[in-house]
Amino acid sequence: MSSDTSHETKDVVFIGKKPIMAYVTSALIQLANNPKVSIKARGLSIGRAVDVAQIIARRTDNSGYSIGQISIGSEHLQSLDGRSRNVSTIEIEVKKNA
């Protein structure tokens, strides 16, 4: 696997239904190798994504992580019964302090 340094590398942690600390651990592992990690969630998992970002930023004050850009939006999805609906999304950047 070759790595292209001309592109900004940004790992992504997708938030689902696992325990919060599983996502915190995953993000911290990725932050050990990358300058920033993007935490993404949609729908009912948005609150869990915010919790993950806050835990990393607050509990690791001495390690030097902070919350960067936050972007919100919505996706147009089709539900199982065939109806279309909008689902809210969030992307939270967690980065190493310089």
N, C-alpha and C. Protein backbone atom coordinates (compact mmCIF):
# COMPACT_ATOMS: atom_id res chain seq x y z
N MET A 1 0.85 -1.18 0.00
CA MET A 1 0.00 0.00 0.00
C MET A 1 0.89 1.23 0.00
N SER A 2 0.76 2.07 -1.01
CA SER A 2 1.59 3.27 -1.07
C SER A 2 0.82 4.45 -0.50
N SER A 3 1.58 5.37 0.05
CA SER A 3 0.96 6.54 0.67
C SER A 3 1.32 7.77 -0.15
N ASP A 4 0.32 8.54 -0.52
CA ASP A 4 0.52 9.74 -1.31
C ASP A 4 0.51 10.94 -0.38
N THR A 5 1.65 11.59 -0.22
CA THR A 5 1.75 12.68 0.73
C THR A 5 1.20 14.00 0.19
N SER A 6 0.81 14.04 -1.08
CA SER A 6 0.28 15.28 -1.63
C SER A 6 -1.16 15.53 -1.17
N HIS A 7 -1.84 14.48 -0.74
CA HIS A 7 -3.21 14.63 -0.25
C HIS A 7 -3.20 14.65 1.27
N GLU A 8 -4.07 15.46 1.84
CA GLU A 8 -4.21 15.51 3.29
C GLU A 8 -4.86 14.20 3.75
N THR A 9 -4.19 13.50 4.66
CA THR A 9 -4.78 12.25 5.16
C THR A 9 -5.65 12.57 6.35
N LYS A 10 -6.84 12.06 6.33
CA LYS A 10 -7.78 12.32 7.41
C LYS A 10 -8.59 11.05 7.61
N ASP A 11 -8.34 10.37 8.71
CA ASP A 11 -9.08 9.16 8.99
C ASP A 11 -10.47 9.50 9.50
N VAL A 12 -11.37 8.57 9.32
CA VAL A 12 -12.76 8.78 9.70
C VAL A 12 -13.20 7.69 10.66
N VAL A 13 -13.91 8.10 11.71
CA VAL A 13 -14.55 7.16 12.63
C VAL A 13 -16.04 7.35 12.46
N PHE A 14 -16.72 6.29 11.99
CA PHE A 14 -18.18 6.34 11.83
C PHE A 14 -18.83 5.86 13.11
N ILE A 15 -19.72 6.66 13.66
CA ILE A 15 -20.36 6.35 14.94
C ILE A 15 -21.63 5.54 14.69
N GLY A 16 -21.77 4.46 15.45
CA GLY A 16 -22.94 3.60 15.37
C GLY A 16 -23.48 3.31 16.76
N LYS A 17 -23.72 2.04 17.04
CA LYS A 17 -24.37 1.66 18.29
C LYS A 17 -23.45 0.99 19.31
N LYS A 18 -22.15 0.96 19.04
CA LYS A 18 -21.20 0.38 20.00
C LYS A 18 -21.08 1.30 21.21
N PRO A 19 -20.48 0.82 22.28
CA PRO A 19 -20.24 1.69 23.44
C PRO A 19 -19.34 2.87 23.07
N ILE A 20 -19.55 4.00 23.72
CA ILE A 20 -18.83 5.23 23.40
C ILE A 20 -17.32 5.03 23.48
N MET A 21 -16.84 4.33 24.50
CA MET A 21 -15.40 4.19 24.68
C MET A 21 -14.75 3.40 23.55
N ALA A 22 -15.50 2.58 22.84
CA ALA A 22 -14.95 1.87 21.68
C ALA A 22 -14.57 2.87 20.60
N TYR A 23 -15.40 3.89 20.40
CA TYR A 23 -15.12 4.91 19.40
C TYR A 23 -14.00 5.85 19.85
N VAL A 24 -13.97 6.15 21.16
CA VAL A 24 -12.90 6.99 21.70
C VAL A 24 -11.55 6.31 21.48
N THR A 25 -11.50 5.02 21.80
CA THR A 25 -10.25 4.26 21.63
C THR A 25 -9.83 4.23 20.17
N SER A 26 -10.78 3.97 19.28
CA SER A 26 -10.48 3.94 17.85
C SER A 26 -9.94 5.28 17.36
N ALA A 27 -10.56 6.36 17.80
CA ALA A 27 -10.12 7.69 17.37
C ALA A 27 -8.72 8.01 17.92
N LEU A 28 -8.46 7.64 19.17
CA LEU A 28 -7.14 7.91 19.76
C LEU A 28 -6.05 7.11 19.06
N ILE A 29 -6.36 5.88 18.66
CA ILE A 29 -5.39 5.07 17.92
C ILE A 29 -5.07 5.74 16.58
N GLN A 30 -6.10 6.23 15.90
CA GLN A 30 -5.88 6.90 14.63
C GLN A 30 -5.14 8.22 14.80
N LEU A 31 -5.40 8.93 15.91
CA LEU A 31 -4.72 10.19 16.16
C LEU A 31 -3.24 9.99 16.48
N ALA A 32 -2.86 8.79 16.91
CA ALA A 32 -1.46 8.50 17.17
C ALA A 32 -0.65 8.54 15.88
N ASN A 33 -1.29 8.25 14.75
CA ASN A 33 -0.60 8.19 13.46
C ASN A 33 -0.95 9.33 12.51
N ASN A 34 -1.99 10.08 12.81
CA ASN A 34 -2.46 11.13 11.91
C ASN A 34 -2.68 12.43 12.69
N PRO A 35 -2.55 13.56 12.01
CA PRO A 35 -2.75 14.84 12.71
C PRO A 35 -4.20 15.14 13.05
N LYS A 36 -5.14 14.53 12.30
CA LYS A 36 -6.55 14.79 12.60
C LYS A 36 -7.42 13.59 12.23
N VAL A 37 -8.54 13.50 12.91
CA VAL A 37 -9.51 12.43 12.69
C VAL A 37 -10.88 13.08 12.57
N SER A 38 -11.69 12.56 11.67
CA SER A 38 -13.03 13.06 11.48
C SER A 38 -14.02 12.07 12.09
N ILE A 39 -14.87 12.55 12.98
CA ILE A 39 -15.89 11.71 13.61
C ILE A 39 -17.20 12.02 12.90
N LYS A 40 -17.79 11.00 12.27
CA LYS A 40 -19.01 11.21 11.49
C LYS A 40 -20.16 10.39 12.07
N ALA A 41 -21.35 10.99 12.05
CA ALA A 41 -22.54 10.29 12.52
C ALA A 41 -23.76 10.88 11.82
N ARG A 42 -24.84 10.14 11.86
CA ARG A 42 -26.10 10.65 11.34
C ARG A 42 -27.24 10.13 12.19
N GLY A 43 -28.34 10.88 12.15
CA GLY A 43 -29.54 10.49 12.88
C GLY A 43 -29.35 10.45 14.38
N LEU A 44 -29.82 9.37 14.98
CA LEU A 44 -29.79 9.25 16.44
C LEU A 44 -28.40 9.08 17.01
N SER A 45 -27.39 8.85 16.19
CA SER A 45 -26.02 8.68 16.66
C SER A 45 -25.27 10.00 16.80
N ILE A 46 -25.89 11.12 16.45
CA ILE A 46 -25.21 12.41 16.50
C ILE A 46 -24.78 12.75 17.93
N GLY A 47 -25.64 12.52 18.89
CA GLY A 47 -25.30 12.80 20.29
C GLY A 47 -24.10 11.99 20.75
N ARG A 48 -24.02 10.76 20.32
CA ARG A 48 -22.89 9.89 20.68
C ARG A 48 -21.60 10.43 20.05
N ALA A 49 -21.67 10.96 18.82
CA ALA A 49 -20.48 11.53 18.17
C ALA A 49 -19.97 12.74 18.94
N VAL A 50 -20.89 13.58 19.40
CA VAL A 50 -20.50 14.75 20.19
C VAL A 50 -19.84 14.29 21.49
N ASP A 51 -20.39 13.27 22.13
CA ASP A 51 -19.80 12.74 23.36
C ASP A 51 -18.38 12.23 23.12
N VAL A 52 -18.17 11.52 22.03
CA VAL A 52 -16.84 10.98 21.71
C VAL A 52 -15.84 12.12 21.55
N ALA A 53 -16.20 13.14 20.80
CA ALA A 53 -15.30 14.28 20.59
C ALA A 53 -14.99 14.99 21.90
N GLN A 54 -16.00 15.17 22.74
CA GLN A 54 -15.80 15.84 24.02
C GLN A 54 -14.90 15.04 24.96
N ILE A 55 -15.07 13.73 24.97
CA ILE A 55 -14.24 12.88 25.83
C ILE A 55 -12.78 12.99 25.40
N ILE A 56 -12.53 12.94 24.10
CA ILE A 56 -11.15 13.03 23.61
C ILE A 56 -10.55 14.39 23.97
N ALA A 57 -11.29 15.46 23.75
CA ALA A 57 -10.78 16.82 23.99
C ALA A 57 -10.60 17.11 25.48
N ARG A 58 -11.51 16.64 26.32
CA ARG A 58 -11.45 16.97 27.74
C ARG A 58 -10.54 16.04 28.54
N ARG A 59 -10.66 14.75 28.30
CA ARG A 59 -9.88 13.79 29.09
C ARG A 59 -8.43 13.74 28.69
N THR A 60 -8.11 14.26 27.54
CA THR A 60 -6.73 14.22 27.07
C THR A 60 -6.16 15.62 26.96
N ASP A 61 -6.51 16.49 27.91
CA ASP A 61 -5.99 17.86 27.90
C ASP A 61 -4.47 17.89 27.82
N ASN A 62 -3.83 17.02 28.60
CA ASN A 62 -2.37 17.00 28.63
C ASN A 62 -1.79 16.44 27.34
N SER A 63 -2.55 15.64 26.62
CA SER A 63 -2.06 15.06 25.36
C SER A 63 -2.18 16.05 24.21
N GLY A 64 -2.98 17.07 24.36
CA GLY A 64 -3.04 18.12 23.35
C GLY A 64 -3.95 17.86 22.17
N TYR A 65 -5.16 17.39 22.41
CA TYR A 65 -6.14 17.23 21.33
C TYR A 65 -7.21 18.28 21.49
N SER A 66 -7.73 18.77 20.37
CA SER A 66 -8.79 19.76 20.42
C SER A 66 -9.78 19.50 19.29
N ILE A 67 -10.94 20.11 19.43
CA ILE A 67 -11.98 19.98 18.42
C ILE A 67 -11.77 21.06 17.37
N GLY A 68 -11.77 20.65 16.11
CA GLY A 68 -11.57 21.58 15.00
C GLY A 68 -12.89 21.96 14.39
N GLN A 69 -12.99 21.84 13.08
CA GLN A 69 -14.19 22.23 12.37
C GLN A 69 -15.33 21.25 12.63
N ILE A 70 -16.53 21.79 12.68
CA ILE A 70 -17.73 20.98 12.83
C ILE A 70 -18.66 21.33 11.67
N SER A 71 -19.10 20.32 10.94
CA SER A 71 -20.03 20.59 9.86
C SER A 71 -21.28 19.75 10.03
N ILE A 72 -22.41 20.37 9.78
CA ILE A 72 -23.69 19.68 9.89
C ILE A 72 -24.39 19.73 8.54
N GLY A 73 -25.27 18.78 8.34
CA GLY A 73 -26.01 18.74 7.09
C GLY A 73 -27.12 17.72 7.18
N SER A 74 -27.62 17.32 6.01
CA SER A 74 -28.64 16.28 5.98
C SER A 74 -28.46 15.46 4.70
N GLU A 75 -28.87 14.22 4.79
CA GLU A 75 -28.83 13.32 3.65
C GLU A 75 -30.25 12.89 3.32
N HIS A 76 -30.51 12.74 2.05
CA HIS A 76 -31.81 12.30 1.57
C HIS A 76 -31.76 10.79 1.42
N LEU A 77 -32.51 10.06 2.25
CA LEU A 77 -32.51 8.60 2.22
C LEU A 77 -33.90 8.06 1.94
N GLN A 78 -33.93 6.83 1.48
CA GLN A 78 -35.21 6.16 1.27
C GLN A 78 -35.37 5.11 2.36
N SER A 79 -36.48 5.17 3.09
CA SER A 79 -36.71 4.23 4.18
C SER A 79 -37.18 2.89 3.63
N LEU A 80 -37.26 1.90 4.50
CA LEU A 80 -37.62 0.55 4.08
C LEU A 80 -39.02 0.48 3.48
N ASP A 81 -39.90 1.37 3.91
CA ASP A 81 -41.27 1.34 3.38
C ASP A 81 -41.40 2.14 2.07
N GLY A 82 -40.26 2.63 1.54
CA GLY A 82 -40.27 3.29 0.24
C GLY A 82 -40.40 4.80 0.29
N ARG A 83 -40.67 5.35 1.47
CA ARG A 83 -40.78 6.81 1.57
C ARG A 83 -39.39 7.44 1.65
N SER A 84 -39.26 8.64 1.13
CA SER A 84 -37.99 9.33 1.24
C SER A 84 -38.04 10.27 2.44
N ARG A 85 -36.89 10.43 3.07
CA ARG A 85 -36.82 11.29 4.25
C ARG A 85 -35.42 11.87 4.36
N ASN A 86 -35.31 12.94 5.12
CA ASN A 86 -34.02 13.57 5.38
C ASN A 86 -33.49 13.12 6.73
N VAL A 87 -32.20 12.83 6.78
CA VAL A 87 -31.54 12.41 8.01
C VAL A 87 -30.41 13.40 8.29
N SER A 88 -30.37 13.94 9.50
CA SER A 88 -29.33 14.89 9.87
C SER A 88 -27.98 14.20 9.96
N THR A 89 -26.91 14.94 9.63
CA THR A 89 -25.56 14.41 9.71
C THR A 89 -24.66 15.41 10.42
N ILE A 90 -23.57 14.90 11.01
CA ILE A 90 -22.58 15.77 11.63
C ILE A 90 -21.20 15.18 11.37
N GLU A 91 -20.23 16.06 11.20
CA GLU A 91 -18.83 15.67 11.08
C GLU A 91 -18.03 16.57 12.00
N ILE A 92 -17.32 15.95 12.95
CA ILE A 92 -16.54 16.70 13.93
C ILE A 92 -15.07 16.35 13.74
N GLU A 93 -14.25 17.35 13.55
CA GLU A 93 -12.82 17.15 13.39
C GLU A 93 -12.13 17.23 14.75
N VAL A 94 -11.34 16.23 15.07
CA VAL A 94 -10.53 16.24 16.28
C VAL A 94 -9.08 16.24 15.81
N LYS A 95 -8.29 17.18 16.34
CA LYS A 95 -6.92 17.33 15.84
C LYS A 95 -5.93 17.47 16.98
N LYS A 96 -4.69 17.17 16.64
CA LYS A 96 -3.59 17.38 17.59
C LYS A 96 -3.25 18.86 17.60
N ASN A 97 -2.99 19.38 18.78
CA ASN A 97 -2.56 20.77 18.88
C ASN A 97 -1.10 20.87 18.45
N ALA A 98 -0.76 21.98 17.84
CA ALA A 98 0.61 22.16 17.32
C ALA A 98 1.61 22.37 18.43
